[in-house]
Amino acid sequence: MEIHGPNLREPHTKAFGEGLFELRLKGAEGIARVFYCTRIGRRIVMLHGFVEKSQKPPARELKLARQRQKEIENADA
């Protein structure tokens, strides 16, 4: 992300709308996923990470990331 910025394409990232993105990282335990958002000033905020083997993230993980994104947005306001 440092080299290419937050706008990586699939299969490395996926947009979930409203400024929320998912970063997919390969590791020894499987594929780790991290939800993140970007803020003013080229700041990237990692909101929530987990290891998941399915293609679609669980609703619980997505909900938690959206809650944290709202907290960040409210703190910036």
N, C-alpha and C. Protein backbone atom coordinates (compact mmCIF):
# COMPACT_ATOMS: atom_id res chain seq x y z
N MET A 1 0.82 -1.18 0.00
CA MET A 1 0.00 0.00 0.00
C MET A 1 0.87 1.25 0.00
N GLU A 2 2.03 1.13 0.60
CA GLU A 2 2.92 2.30 0.64
C GLU A 2 3.37 2.68 -0.76
N ILE A 3 3.59 1.70 -1.61
CA ILE A 3 4.05 1.96 -2.97
C ILE A 3 2.89 2.33 -3.89
N HIS A 4 1.81 1.54 -3.85
CA HIS A 4 0.71 1.71 -4.79
C HIS A 4 -0.46 2.53 -4.25
N GLY A 5 -0.44 2.85 -2.97
CA GLY A 5 -1.54 3.62 -2.38
C GLY A 5 -2.72 2.75 -2.04
N PRO A 6 -3.81 3.36 -1.59
CA PRO A 6 -4.97 2.61 -1.14
C PRO A 6 -5.84 2.05 -2.26
N ASN A 7 -5.54 2.41 -3.51
CA ASN A 7 -6.39 2.00 -4.62
C ASN A 7 -5.87 0.75 -5.33
N LEU A 8 -5.48 -0.25 -4.59
CA LEU A 8 -5.11 -1.53 -5.18
C LEU A 8 -6.35 -2.17 -5.78
N ARG A 9 -6.17 -3.06 -6.68
CA ARG A 9 -7.29 -3.74 -7.33
C ARG A 9 -7.39 -5.18 -6.85
N GLU A 10 -8.49 -5.84 -7.25
CA GLU A 10 -8.64 -7.26 -6.93
C GLU A 10 -7.53 -8.04 -7.60
N PRO A 11 -7.03 -9.07 -7.03
CA PRO A 11 -7.54 -9.79 -5.87
C PRO A 11 -7.00 -9.27 -4.54
N HIS A 12 -6.23 -8.20 -4.55
CA HIS A 12 -5.62 -7.71 -3.31
C HIS A 12 -6.59 -6.92 -2.44
N THR A 13 -7.47 -6.16 -3.05
CA THR A 13 -8.44 -5.38 -2.28
C THR A 13 -9.81 -5.49 -2.93
N LYS A 14 -10.81 -5.13 -2.14
CA LYS A 14 -12.18 -5.10 -2.64
C LYS A 14 -12.89 -3.95 -1.95
N ALA A 15 -13.65 -3.18 -2.71
CA ALA A 15 -14.41 -2.07 -2.16
C ALA A 15 -15.76 -2.57 -1.64
N PHE A 16 -16.17 -2.07 -0.48
CA PHE A 16 -17.45 -2.43 0.10
C PHE A 16 -18.40 -1.24 0.15
N GLY A 17 -18.03 -0.15 -0.48
CA GLY A 17 -18.88 1.03 -0.54
C GLY A 17 -18.72 1.93 0.67
N GLU A 18 -19.08 3.19 0.48
CA GLU A 18 -19.03 4.21 1.53
C GLU A 18 -17.64 4.36 2.13
N GLY A 19 -16.61 4.15 1.31
CA GLY A 19 -15.23 4.36 1.78
C GLY A 19 -14.62 3.21 2.54
N LEU A 20 -15.29 2.06 2.58
CA LEU A 20 -14.77 0.89 3.29
C LEU A 20 -14.16 -0.08 2.27
N PHE A 21 -12.95 -0.57 2.58
CA PHE A 21 -12.25 -1.49 1.70
C PHE A 21 -11.76 -2.69 2.49
N GLU A 22 -11.48 -3.78 1.77
CA GLU A 22 -10.94 -4.99 2.37
C GLU A 22 -9.60 -5.28 1.72
N LEU A 23 -8.59 -5.52 2.53
CA LEU A 23 -7.26 -5.91 2.06
C LEU A 23 -7.09 -7.40 2.34
N ARG A 24 -6.66 -8.15 1.32
CA ARG A 24 -6.46 -9.60 1.48
C ARG A 24 -4.97 -9.90 1.49
N LEU A 25 -4.53 -10.58 2.54
CA LEU A 25 -3.11 -10.89 2.74
C LEU A 25 -2.93 -12.40 2.89
N LYS A 26 -1.99 -12.95 2.16
CA LYS A 26 -1.71 -14.38 2.27
C LYS A 26 -0.68 -14.62 3.36
N GLY A 27 -0.95 -15.66 4.17
CA GLY A 27 -0.03 -16.02 5.24
C GLY A 27 -0.03 -17.52 5.44
N ALA A 28 0.74 -17.99 6.39
CA ALA A 28 0.86 -19.42 6.66
C ALA A 28 -0.45 -20.03 7.15
N GLU A 29 -1.27 -19.24 7.85
CA GLU A 29 -2.52 -19.75 8.41
C GLU A 29 -3.70 -19.60 7.47
N GLY A 30 -3.48 -19.08 6.29
CA GLY A 30 -4.56 -18.87 5.34
C GLY A 30 -4.55 -17.43 4.87
N ILE A 31 -5.69 -16.96 4.48
CA ILE A 31 -5.81 -15.59 3.99
C ILE A 31 -6.34 -14.70 5.10
N ALA A 32 -5.55 -13.71 5.47
CA ALA A 32 -5.98 -12.74 6.47
C ALA A 32 -6.68 -11.61 5.73
N ARG A 33 -7.71 -11.07 6.33
CA ARG A 33 -8.45 -9.97 5.74
C ARG A 33 -8.48 -8.82 6.72
N VAL A 34 -8.30 -7.63 6.20
CA VAL A 34 -8.29 -6.43 7.02
C VAL A 34 -9.21 -5.41 6.37
N PHE A 35 -10.17 -4.91 7.13
CA PHE A 35 -11.01 -3.83 6.65
C PHE A 35 -10.30 -2.52 6.96
N TYR A 36 -10.33 -1.59 6.00
CA TYR A 36 -9.70 -0.30 6.21
C TYR A 36 -10.47 0.80 5.51
N CYS A 37 -10.16 2.03 5.89
CA CYS A 37 -10.71 3.20 5.22
C CYS A 37 -9.60 4.22 5.08
N THR A 38 -9.79 5.19 4.20
CA THR A 38 -8.81 6.25 4.05
C THR A 38 -9.40 7.54 4.60
N ARG A 39 -8.55 8.37 5.12
CA ARG A 39 -8.97 9.63 5.71
C ARG A 39 -8.23 10.76 5.00
N ILE A 40 -8.62 11.97 5.28
CA ILE A 40 -7.97 13.14 4.70
C ILE A 40 -6.50 13.16 5.13
N GLY A 41 -5.63 13.56 4.23
CA GLY A 41 -4.20 13.62 4.55
C GLY A 41 -3.49 12.32 4.23
N ARG A 42 -4.08 11.51 3.34
CA ARG A 42 -3.47 10.25 2.90
C ARG A 42 -3.25 9.27 4.05
N ARG A 43 -4.08 9.35 5.05
CA ARG A 43 -3.99 8.45 6.20
C ARG A 43 -4.84 7.21 5.93
N ILE A 44 -4.29 6.05 6.18
CA ILE A 44 -5.01 4.78 6.03
C ILE A 44 -5.26 4.24 7.43
N VAL A 45 -6.52 3.94 7.73
CA VAL A 45 -6.89 3.45 9.06
C VAL A 45 -7.34 2.00 8.95
N MET A 46 -6.61 1.10 9.60
CA MET A 46 -6.99 -0.30 9.65
C MET A 46 -8.05 -0.45 10.73
N LEU A 47 -9.22 -0.95 10.36
CA LEU A 47 -10.36 -1.00 11.27
C LEU A 47 -10.52 -2.34 11.97
N HIS A 48 -10.31 -3.45 11.24
CA HIS A 48 -10.57 -4.76 11.82
C HIS A 48 -9.90 -5.82 10.95
N GLY A 49 -9.21 -6.77 11.57
CA GLY A 49 -8.57 -7.85 10.86
C GLY A 49 -9.00 -9.21 11.39
N PHE A 50 -9.02 -10.20 10.49
CA PHE A 50 -9.41 -11.55 10.88
C PHE A 50 -8.92 -12.53 9.82
N VAL A 51 -8.88 -13.82 10.16
CA VAL A 51 -8.53 -14.87 9.22
C VAL A 51 -9.82 -15.56 8.82
N GLU A 52 -10.03 -15.64 7.52
CA GLU A 52 -11.28 -16.22 7.01
C GLU A 52 -10.97 -17.03 5.76
N LYS A 53 -11.61 -18.15 5.63
CA LYS A 53 -11.33 -19.03 4.50
C LYS A 53 -12.37 -18.93 3.39
N SER A 54 -13.50 -18.32 3.65
CA SER A 54 -14.54 -18.22 2.62
C SER A 54 -14.34 -16.97 1.77
N GLN A 55 -15.02 -16.91 0.65
CA GLN A 55 -14.91 -15.77 -0.26
C GLN A 55 -15.58 -14.52 0.29
N LYS A 56 -16.67 -14.70 1.01
CA LYS A 56 -17.46 -13.59 1.51
C LYS A 56 -17.22 -13.42 3.01
N PRO A 57 -16.92 -12.19 3.45
CA PRO A 57 -16.68 -12.00 4.89
C PRO A 57 -17.97 -12.16 5.68
N PRO A 58 -17.89 -12.70 6.89
CA PRO A 58 -19.08 -12.85 7.73
C PRO A 58 -19.70 -11.48 8.04
N ALA A 59 -21.01 -11.46 8.14
CA ALA A 59 -21.75 -10.22 8.41
C ALA A 59 -21.28 -9.58 9.71
N ARG A 60 -20.95 -10.39 10.70
CA ARG A 60 -20.49 -9.88 12.00
C ARG A 60 -19.21 -9.06 11.84
N GLU A 61 -18.27 -9.55 11.03
CA GLU A 61 -17.00 -8.87 10.82
C GLU A 61 -17.21 -7.55 10.06
N LEU A 62 -18.07 -7.58 9.07
CA LEU A 62 -18.37 -6.39 8.29
C LEU A 62 -19.07 -5.33 9.14
N LYS A 63 -19.99 -5.76 9.98
CA LYS A 63 -20.70 -4.84 10.87
C LYS A 63 -19.74 -4.15 11.84
N LEU A 64 -18.81 -4.91 12.40
CA LEU A 64 -17.83 -4.36 13.32
C LEU A 64 -16.95 -3.32 12.62
N ALA A 65 -16.52 -3.62 11.40
CA ALA A 65 -15.69 -2.68 10.65
C ALA A 65 -16.46 -1.39 10.36
N ARG A 66 -17.72 -1.50 9.99
CA ARG A 66 -18.54 -0.30 9.72
C ARG A 66 -18.73 0.54 10.98
N GLN A 67 -18.91 -0.11 12.13
CA GLN A 67 -19.03 0.62 13.39
C GLN A 67 -17.76 1.41 13.69
N ARG A 68 -16.63 0.77 13.50
CA ARG A 68 -15.35 1.44 13.76
C ARG A 68 -15.10 2.56 12.76
N GLN A 69 -15.54 2.37 11.52
CA GLN A 69 -15.41 3.42 10.52
C GLN A 69 -16.21 4.66 10.94
N LYS A 70 -17.41 4.44 11.44
CA LYS A 70 -18.24 5.56 11.91
C LYS A 70 -17.58 6.27 13.07
N GLU A 71 -16.95 5.52 13.97
CA GLU A 71 -16.24 6.12 15.11
C GLU A 71 -15.12 7.02 14.61
N ILE A 72 -14.38 6.57 13.62
CA ILE A 72 -13.28 7.36 13.04
C ILE A 72 -13.83 8.63 12.39
N GLU A 73 -14.91 8.49 11.63
CA GLU A 73 -15.50 9.64 10.96
C GLU A 73 -16.01 10.66 11.97
N ASN A 74 -16.64 10.20 13.05
CA ASN A 74 -17.14 11.11 14.07
C ASN A 74 -15.99 11.80 14.82
N ALA A 75 -14.88 11.11 14.99
CA ALA A 75 -13.73 11.70 15.67
C ALA A 75 -13.08 12.78 14.81
N ASP A 76 -13.13 12.61 13.48
CA ASP A 76 -12.55 13.59 12.56
C ASP A 76 -13.43 14.82 12.38
N ALA A 77 -14.70 14.71 12.74
CA ALA A 77 -15.65 15.83 12.51
C ALA A 77 -15.50 16.93 13.54
